[in-house]
Structures are given as structure tokens and as C-alpha cells.
Amino acid sequence: MPAMETHRTLDDLVQIYLRERILRPDTAIRYQQVVRQFQNDMGVRTLDEIQRDTLLEWRSQVLQRARATTWNYYRRHFRAMWRFAMEAEWISHDPLERVDAAPEDRRIKTVSRDLLDQAIAALDDSENRCLEPRWFWLVVLLTFYYTGMRRRQLVALTWGDVCWKEGELRLSAAGSKTHREWDIPIPAPLVEPLRELYDRTIALRGPRGLEQAQVFNLGLHRGETRYQGDGIRVGQVSGFFRKLGDVLGQPISPHRLRHTLGTEVGRQENPPLRALQHLLGHTNLSTTMQYVEPDMGQLRQLVDHLPQPGRS
């Protein structure tokens, strides 16, 4: 058996890990950011310096300044790299083996119907100049609500992915978290807003090369706003929802809208969980079940019909 490699650095590890794994550019950046954060916090660079005590100390530092989700995010990325290092025989054991994840609040965060109504009203109010172009962002909001797609999928969506005749949207592998491609229906209430966006797009740029063009091209429809450049980026979508949340006084995001779709479908009588799994693009049903949050009325019905003791 070959001897263990020594004096390899974290930089060596992340560089080779990213070269051998097929990851999206933004995912690769996240690995680099996690490594850089660890090095800044702990001043440790070689793998043989990183022991369980090192990681326990780092966990303590992270949890003093950030939420449990932040530590667990770091831990997931480190665990993937440590497993890779063990396979390559750079290290003899996983220093994260007995460094636990932090307990998280697992309650699914959704968008109430009232908040969604407020969001639509805010986008209908010309006083909210910070939300311009309001008509454009309304189509974005409705698309997230009715499809449950992720931000990256919305950004990757092209007009070639819109099948008007079949009434379907193709969610391409380019925007998929799981590197897969699948089709979902265009919900009836979304057809008219999408058609309006299509007509405006044709009026501004013409039909040539449209199949490869982004559906949600903020640069094309920005009007007199300060948005720079062509197309739309994930960061711009996130920035809009932060501004919308500021206007509403409550957080709202594409991921919460995704949870909302999952929860609303999951609350139906005999919900079609396999269909919901396909719609959300989950590779296993257990992930879909995390989105299914029973309401208090359903829970009350369950316990109200228990046999009452003492009555025969």
C-alpha cells in the first residue's frame, strides 16, 4: 500500500478536487470560498495540520458569529473534500468524522397568501420605483410561484425551452442543481404573462436567434432603470427579492415560493407526491416530503377523532 501523502495543502486539495469533479462554475467558487474562509479563520494550510480539535475550534468560531446553517454549509463542502482526500490516500482518516453538524430549525419557510397579494400590489404601485421594471418582475414572481423552479433555472431558461404548442417548459441541465433536464407544464395563469413578455421581447429584438435568447432578459427590458449589461444574472434576481422584501417588511424569495408550491400541493387531499417530486426535480421522494407541511386544520382533524378514554 503506498505511503500517505504529506504536506499537501488545502489549496492543492481544492484545486485537484475541482479538476476531477464535474461541477458548475458557481459551485466551484463556493468550494474555494469555504477553503478561503477556513484559512482566514484558522491560519492552517496543510492537511496534516487539520485535526478534529482544529475543526471543533473552527465550528465554535463560526457558530459565535453565524447561524447553524452556515456551519453546516461549510461542513458539507469540507466533508466532500475529505472523502476525496481519503480516496487519494492523502490523509488516513476523516477529521470531520466526530465533528457534528449544528441543529437547525427545519421548519419550511413559505409565503402566505396575504404576503403574495401584497407583493403583487407592490408591483402594481407606480410609487415603488425601486422595483422597476415592475411588469417584468411581476412575470418573474408569478413564474417562481406557479412552477417552483430555482433561480438558476429561471436564469437559464431560453425561448427555445418554451413549447407553446405543448404548453410545456423545458428545465435544462444547464440550470439544474442535479444536472438533469425535465419538462413541466406551463400553468394556465402563467400563459398570458409569458405571452406578454414574449411579445415585448419580439418588439425589441426581433425573432432572429430567439431560441437561444434568455426568456428573462433584464438588460433588454430594463427601460430607464440602472441595471447594466445584457441578460439577467442570479445575483440580480436575489437583489430584486431583497428590495421587494424591504418594501413589504417581510422576507420573500424564490426558495420560499418554491416551498409554498410544494406545501400547497402537499396539503391537497391524497396529494400526488410523485408528480410533485417530478415538478420540483428531486431525485428522491424523501426530499420532496420535506416540502410537504401539514396545516393545523389537518393536524386537528387527526387528533380530534381519537377515541375518548373513559367512554365505553
Protein backbone atom coordinates (compact mmCIF):
# COMPACT_ATOMS: atom_id res chain seq x y z
CA MET A 1 0.00 0.00 0.00
CA PRO A 2 1.53 3.39 -0.94
CA ALA A 3 2.55 5.73 1.86
CA MET A 4 0.23 8.56 2.78
CA GLU A 5 0.98 11.86 1.08
CA THR A 6 2.18 14.56 3.49
CA HIS A 7 2.39 18.33 3.43
CA ARG A 8 -0.35 18.64 0.86
CA THR A 9 -2.21 21.90 1.29
CA LEU A 10 -5.87 22.77 1.23
CA ASP A 11 -5.19 24.75 -1.93
CA ASP A 12 -3.77 21.58 -3.53
CA LEU A 13 -6.83 19.63 -2.44
CA VAL A 14 -9.45 22.06 -3.70
CA GLN A 15 -7.59 22.57 -6.99
CA ILE A 16 -7.42 18.85 -7.78
CA TYR A 17 -10.92 18.18 -6.42
CA LEU A 18 -12.39 20.80 -8.75
CA ARG A 19 -10.38 19.50 -11.68
CA GLU A 20 -11.62 15.93 -11.26
CA ARG A 21 -15.23 16.60 -10.27
CA ILE A 22 -17.76 17.91 -12.79
CA LEU A 23 -19.16 20.95 -11.00
CA ARG A 24 -20.87 24.14 -12.07
CA PRO A 25 -18.73 27.29 -12.04
CA ASP A 26 -20.70 28.80 -9.15
CA THR A 27 -20.41 25.54 -7.18
CA ALA A 28 -16.64 25.54 -7.74
CA ILE A 29 -16.48 29.11 -6.46
CA ARG A 30 -18.32 28.07 -3.29
CA TYR A 31 -15.71 25.40 -2.54
CA GLN A 32 -12.94 27.95 -2.99
CA GLN A 33 -14.75 30.41 -0.73
CA VAL A 34 -15.18 27.83 2.04
CA VAL A 35 -11.47 26.94 1.92
CA ARG A 36 -10.50 30.61 1.96
CA GLN A 37 -12.78 31.25 4.95
CA PHE A 38 -11.21 28.37 6.88
CA GLN A 39 -7.70 29.61 6.12
CA ASN A 40 -8.59 33.15 7.18
CA ASP A 41 -10.15 31.93 10.42
CA MET A 42 -7.63 29.28 11.44
CA GLY A 43 -4.41 30.16 9.61
CA VAL A 44 -3.97 26.47 8.73
CA ARG A 45 -3.00 25.43 5.23
CA THR A 46 -1.53 21.90 5.20
CA LEU A 47 -3.77 18.85 5.52
CA ASP A 48 -1.70 17.19 8.23
CA GLU A 49 -2.29 20.23 10.47
CA ILE A 50 -6.06 19.82 10.28
CA GLN A 51 -7.22 17.59 13.10
CA ARG A 52 -10.52 17.11 14.90
CA ASP A 53 -9.61 19.76 17.51
CA THR A 54 -8.89 22.24 14.71
CA LEU A 55 -12.33 21.73 13.25
CA LEU A 56 -14.04 21.86 16.65
CA GLU A 57 -12.41 25.22 17.26
CA TRP A 58 -13.49 26.45 13.83
CA ARG A 59 -17.04 25.30 14.47
CA SER A 60 -17.05 27.25 17.73
CA GLN A 61 -15.85 30.39 15.96
CA VAL A 62 -18.39 30.08 13.14
CA LEU A 63 -21.34 29.49 15.48
CA GLN A 64 -20.40 32.55 17.55
CA ARG A 65 -20.86 34.82 14.54
CA ALA A 66 -23.27 32.98 12.23
CA ARG A 67 -26.26 30.67 12.11
CA ALA A 68 -26.17 26.89 12.30
CA THR A 69 -26.90 26.70 8.57
CA THR A 70 -23.60 28.47 7.85
CA TRP A 71 -21.55 25.93 9.78
CA ASN A 72 -23.44 23.03 8.20
CA TYR A 73 -22.83 24.57 4.77
CA TYR A 74 -19.07 24.72 5.46
CA ARG A 75 -19.13 21.20 6.87
CA ARG A 76 -20.83 19.70 3.80
CA HIS A 77 -18.20 21.15 1.48
CA PHE A 78 -15.31 20.07 3.71
CA ARG A 79 -16.73 16.56 4.06
CA ALA A 80 -16.82 16.11 0.28
CA MET A 81 -13.18 17.20 0.02
CA TRP A 82 -12.04 14.99 2.92
CA ARG A 83 -13.62 11.93 1.36
CA PHE A 84 -11.84 12.74 -1.87
CA ALA A 85 -8.54 13.15 0.01
CA MET A 86 -9.01 9.77 1.71
CA GLU A 87 -9.70 8.08 -1.64
CA ALA A 88 -6.48 9.65 -2.96
CA GLU A 89 -4.67 8.47 0.23
CA TRP A 90 -3.58 11.98 1.09
CA ILE A 91 -4.98 11.53 4.60
CA SER A 92 -5.52 8.42 6.73
CA HIS A 93 -8.76 9.46 8.43
CA ASP A 94 -11.61 11.95 8.16
CA PRO A 95 -11.09 14.70 10.78
CA LEU A 96 -14.78 15.60 10.44
CA GLU A 97 -15.90 12.13 11.48
CA ARG A 98 -16.84 13.18 15.04
CA VAL A 99 -17.45 16.89 14.38
CA ASP A 100 -21.20 17.11 14.34
CA ALA A 101 -23.48 19.30 12.31
CA ALA A 102 -25.29 22.02 14.26
CA PRO A 103 -29.03 21.60 14.96
CA GLU A 104 -31.13 23.68 12.57
CA ASP A 105 -34.66 24.97 12.61
CA ARG A 106 -36.10 22.62 9.99
CA ARG A 107 -39.43 24.36 9.62
CA ILE A 108 -40.13 25.10 5.98
CA LYS A 109 -40.48 28.82 5.31
CA THR A 110 -43.32 29.65 2.94
CA VAL A 111 -45.03 32.77 1.58
CA SER A 112 -48.52 33.37 2.93
CA ARG A 113 -51.33 34.18 0.53
CA ASP A 114 -51.65 37.60 2.14
CA LEU A 115 -47.96 38.37 1.61
CA LEU A 116 -48.16 37.21 -2.00
CA ASP A 117 -51.14 39.53 -2.55
CA GLN A 118 -49.13 42.37 -1.00
CA ALA A 119 -46.20 41.61 -3.31
CA ILE A 120 -48.42 41.77 -6.39
CA ALA A 121 -49.97 45.02 -5.14
CA ALA A 122 -46.49 46.48 -4.57
CA LEU A 123 -45.55 45.65 -8.16
CA ASP A 124 -48.73 47.35 -9.33
CA ASP A 125 -47.87 50.56 -7.44
CA SER A 126 -46.02 53.14 -9.54
CA GLU A 127 -44.67 54.73 -6.35
CA ASN A 128 -42.34 51.75 -5.88
CA ARG A 129 -39.67 52.97 -8.28
CA CYS A 130 -37.07 50.70 -6.68
CA LEU A 131 -38.97 47.72 -8.12
CA GLU A 132 -38.78 48.82 -11.76
CA PRO A 133 -39.32 47.39 -14.29
CA ARG A 134 -42.36 46.33 -12.25
CA TRP A 135 -44.19 44.50 -15.04
CA PHE A 136 -41.08 42.40 -15.75
CA TRP A 137 -40.55 41.45 -12.12
CA LEU A 138 -44.22 40.53 -11.79
CA VAL A 139 -43.76 37.89 -14.51
CA VAL A 140 -40.66 36.65 -12.65
CA LEU A 141 -42.60 36.44 -9.38
CA LEU A 142 -45.51 34.56 -10.96
CA THR A 143 -43.13 32.16 -12.71
CA PHE A 144 -41.49 31.22 -9.43
CA TYR A 145 -44.86 30.84 -7.72
CA TYR A 146 -46.51 28.68 -10.38
CA THR A 147 -43.54 26.49 -11.33
CA GLY A 148 -41.38 26.21 -8.21
CA MET A 149 -38.24 26.48 -10.34
CA ARG A 150 -34.96 27.62 -8.82
CA ARG A 151 -33.28 30.96 -9.55
CA ARG A 152 -30.60 29.33 -11.67
CA GLN A 153 -33.25 27.55 -13.74
CA LEU A 154 -35.09 30.80 -14.38
CA VAL A 155 -31.86 32.49 -15.47
CA ALA A 156 -31.00 29.56 -17.77
CA LEU A 157 -34.45 29.47 -19.39
CA THR A 158 -34.39 30.34 -23.12
CA TRP A 159 -37.25 30.88 -25.54
CA GLY A 160 -36.28 27.58 -27.13
CA ASP A 161 -37.27 25.95 -23.83
CA VAL A 162 -40.81 27.36 -24.09
CA CYS A 163 -43.05 24.94 -26.01
CA TRP A 164 -46.22 26.92 -26.63
CA LYS A 165 -47.95 24.18 -28.63
CA GLU A 166 -47.43 21.51 -25.96
CA GLY A 167 -47.89 24.01 -23.13
CA GLU A 168 -44.60 22.99 -21.52
CA LEU A 169 -41.36 24.47 -20.21
CA ARG A 170 -38.10 22.57 -20.51
CA LEU A 171 -35.88 22.99 -17.47
CA SER A 172 -32.45 22.39 -18.93
CA ALA A 173 -29.50 20.64 -17.33
CA ALA A 174 -27.63 23.96 -17.57
CA GLY A 175 -29.72 25.39 -14.74
CA SER A 176 -30.40 22.20 -12.80
CA LYS A 177 -28.95 21.56 -9.37
CA THR A 178 -28.97 17.84 -10.14
CA HIS A 179 -27.56 18.20 -13.70
CA ARG A 180 -30.78 16.81 -15.17
CA GLU A 181 -33.30 18.04 -17.72
CA TRP A 182 -37.07 17.65 -17.47
CA ASP A 183 -40.31 19.20 -18.69
CA ILE A 184 -43.02 20.85 -16.62
CA PRO A 185 -46.40 22.27 -17.67
CA ILE A 186 -46.97 25.97 -18.23
CA PRO A 187 -49.70 26.68 -15.67
CA ALA A 188 -52.78 28.33 -17.20
CA PRO A 189 -52.47 31.55 -15.13
CA LEU A 190 -48.88 31.95 -16.36
CA VAL A 191 -49.61 31.73 -20.10
CA GLU A 192 -50.78 35.33 -20.52
CA PRO A 193 -47.89 36.94 -18.56
CA LEU A 194 -45.37 34.84 -20.51
CA ARG A 195 -47.04 35.79 -23.80
CA GLU A 196 -46.78 39.46 -22.88
CA LEU A 197 -43.08 39.02 -22.14
CA TYR A 198 -42.65 37.18 -25.45
CA ASP A 199 -44.42 39.92 -27.44
CA ARG A 200 -42.35 42.66 -25.78
CA THR A 201 -39.17 40.69 -26.47
CA ILE A 202 -40.02 40.29 -30.18
CA ALA A 203 -40.87 44.00 -30.43
CA LEU A 204 -37.46 45.00 -29.01
CA ARG A 205 -35.09 42.48 -30.61
CA GLY A 206 -36.98 40.71 -33.39
CA PRO A 207 -37.29 36.94 -33.88
CA ARG A 208 -33.77 36.19 -35.13
CA GLY A 209 -31.85 33.87 -32.80
CA LEU A 210 -34.69 33.94 -30.31
CA GLU A 211 -34.46 30.26 -29.40
CA GLN A 212 -31.07 30.81 -27.75
CA ALA A 213 -32.11 34.07 -26.06
CA GLN A 214 -32.89 34.28 -22.35
CA VAL A 215 -36.58 34.44 -21.56
CA PHE A 216 -35.98 36.83 -18.67
CA ASN A 217 -33.60 39.30 -20.29
CA LEU A 218 -33.47 42.11 -17.76
CA GLY A 219 -30.95 44.03 -19.86
CA LEU A 220 -33.39 44.10 -22.76
CA HIS A 221 -36.36 45.25 -20.68
CA ARG A 222 -34.61 47.47 -18.13
CA GLY A 223 -36.04 50.70 -19.57
CA GLU A 224 -34.71 53.68 -17.60
CA THR A 225 -33.51 51.64 -14.63
CA ARG A 226 -29.86 51.39 -13.57
CA TYR A 227 -29.40 47.74 -14.48
CA GLN A 228 -26.25 47.28 -16.56
CA GLY A 229 -25.39 44.79 -19.29
CA ASP A 230 -27.40 42.25 -21.22
CA GLY A 231 -29.36 39.28 -19.91
CA ILE A 232 -30.05 38.52 -16.27
CA ARG A 233 -27.92 37.02 -13.51
CA VAL A 234 -28.80 35.06 -10.38
CA GLY A 235 -27.47 37.90 -8.24
CA GLN A 236 -29.88 40.35 -9.88
CA VAL A 237 -32.82 38.06 -9.11
CA SER A 238 -31.72 37.80 -5.48
CA GLY A 239 -31.23 41.57 -5.31
CA PHE A 240 -34.75 42.24 -6.56
CA PHE A 241 -36.31 39.95 -3.97
CA ARG A 242 -34.32 41.66 -1.21
CA LYS A 243 -35.72 45.01 -2.35
CA LEU A 244 -39.22 43.56 -2.56
CA GLY A 245 -38.83 42.18 0.96
CA ASP A 246 -37.76 45.63 2.18
CA VAL A 247 -40.88 47.17 0.64
CA LEU A 248 -43.11 44.51 2.19
CA GLY A 249 -41.37 44.49 5.56
CA GLN A 250 -41.14 40.68 5.38
CA PRO A 251 -38.73 38.31 3.63
CA ILE A 252 -39.80 36.82 0.31
CA SER A 253 -37.59 34.78 -2.00
CA PRO A 254 -37.71 32.30 -4.89
CA HIS A 255 -36.91 29.47 -2.50
CA ARG A 256 -39.79 30.40 -0.21
CA LEU A 257 -42.08 30.47 -3.24
CA ARG A 258 -40.78 27.02 -4.17
CA HIS A 259 -41.59 25.81 -0.66
CA THR A 260 -45.01 27.41 -0.97
CA LEU A 261 -45.81 25.46 -4.13
CA GLY A 262 -44.68 22.23 -2.50
CA THR A 263 -46.70 22.92 0.63
CA GLU A 264 -49.88 23.92 -1.22
CA VAL A 265 -49.77 20.80 -3.40
CA GLY A 266 -48.86 18.65 -0.40
CA ARG A 267 -51.90 19.87 1.52
CA GLN A 268 -54.30 18.61 -1.12
CA GLU A 269 -56.34 15.53 -0.33
CA ASN A 270 -54.31 12.49 -1.39
CA PRO A 271 -51.55 14.71 -2.82
CA PRO A 272 -49.78 13.44 -5.97
CA LEU A 273 -46.35 13.23 -4.36
CA ARG A 274 -44.63 11.55 -7.31
CA ALA A 275 -45.89 14.29 -9.62
CA LEU A 276 -44.71 16.92 -7.13
CA GLN A 277 -41.32 15.21 -6.99
CA HIS A 278 -41.07 15.48 -10.79
CA LEU A 279 -42.20 19.10 -10.80
CA LEU A 280 -39.59 20.10 -8.21
CA GLY A 281 -36.90 17.97 -9.84
CA HIS A 282 -35.97 15.97 -6.75
CA THR A 283 -34.02 12.75 -7.24
CA ASN A 284 -35.70 11.09 -4.26
CA LEU A 285 -39.11 11.35 -2.65
CA SER A 286 -37.75 11.98 0.85
CA THR A 287 -36.53 15.41 -0.29
CA THR A 288 -39.99 16.22 -1.62
CA MET A 289 -41.56 15.19 1.69
CA GLN A 290 -39.59 17.93 3.46
CA TYR A 291 -41.62 20.47 1.48
CA VAL A 292 -44.94 18.96 2.49
CA GLU A 293 -46.07 20.77 5.61
CA PRO A 294 -49.50 19.81 7.01
CA ASP A 295 -51.67 22.68 8.14
CA MET A 296 -53.12 22.99 11.62
CA GLY A 297 -56.60 22.04 10.42
CA GLN A 298 -55.34 18.68 9.14
CA LEU A 299 -53.48 18.01 12.38
CA ARG A 300 -56.53 18.96 14.44
CA GLN A 301 -58.70 16.53 12.48
CA LEU A 302 -56.27 13.72 13.22
CA VAL A 303 -56.29 14.23 16.99
CA ASP A 304 -59.94 15.26 17.36
CA HIS A 305 -61.05 11.85 16.10
CA LEU A 306 -59.04 9.83 18.60
CA PRO A 307 -61.20 7.58 20.82
CA GLN A 308 -62.02 9.35 24.09
CA PRO A 309 -60.86 7.38 27.13
CA GLY A 310 -63.39 6.70 29.87
CA ARG A 311 -66.30 6.39 27.44
CA SER A 312 -67.41 2.90 26.56
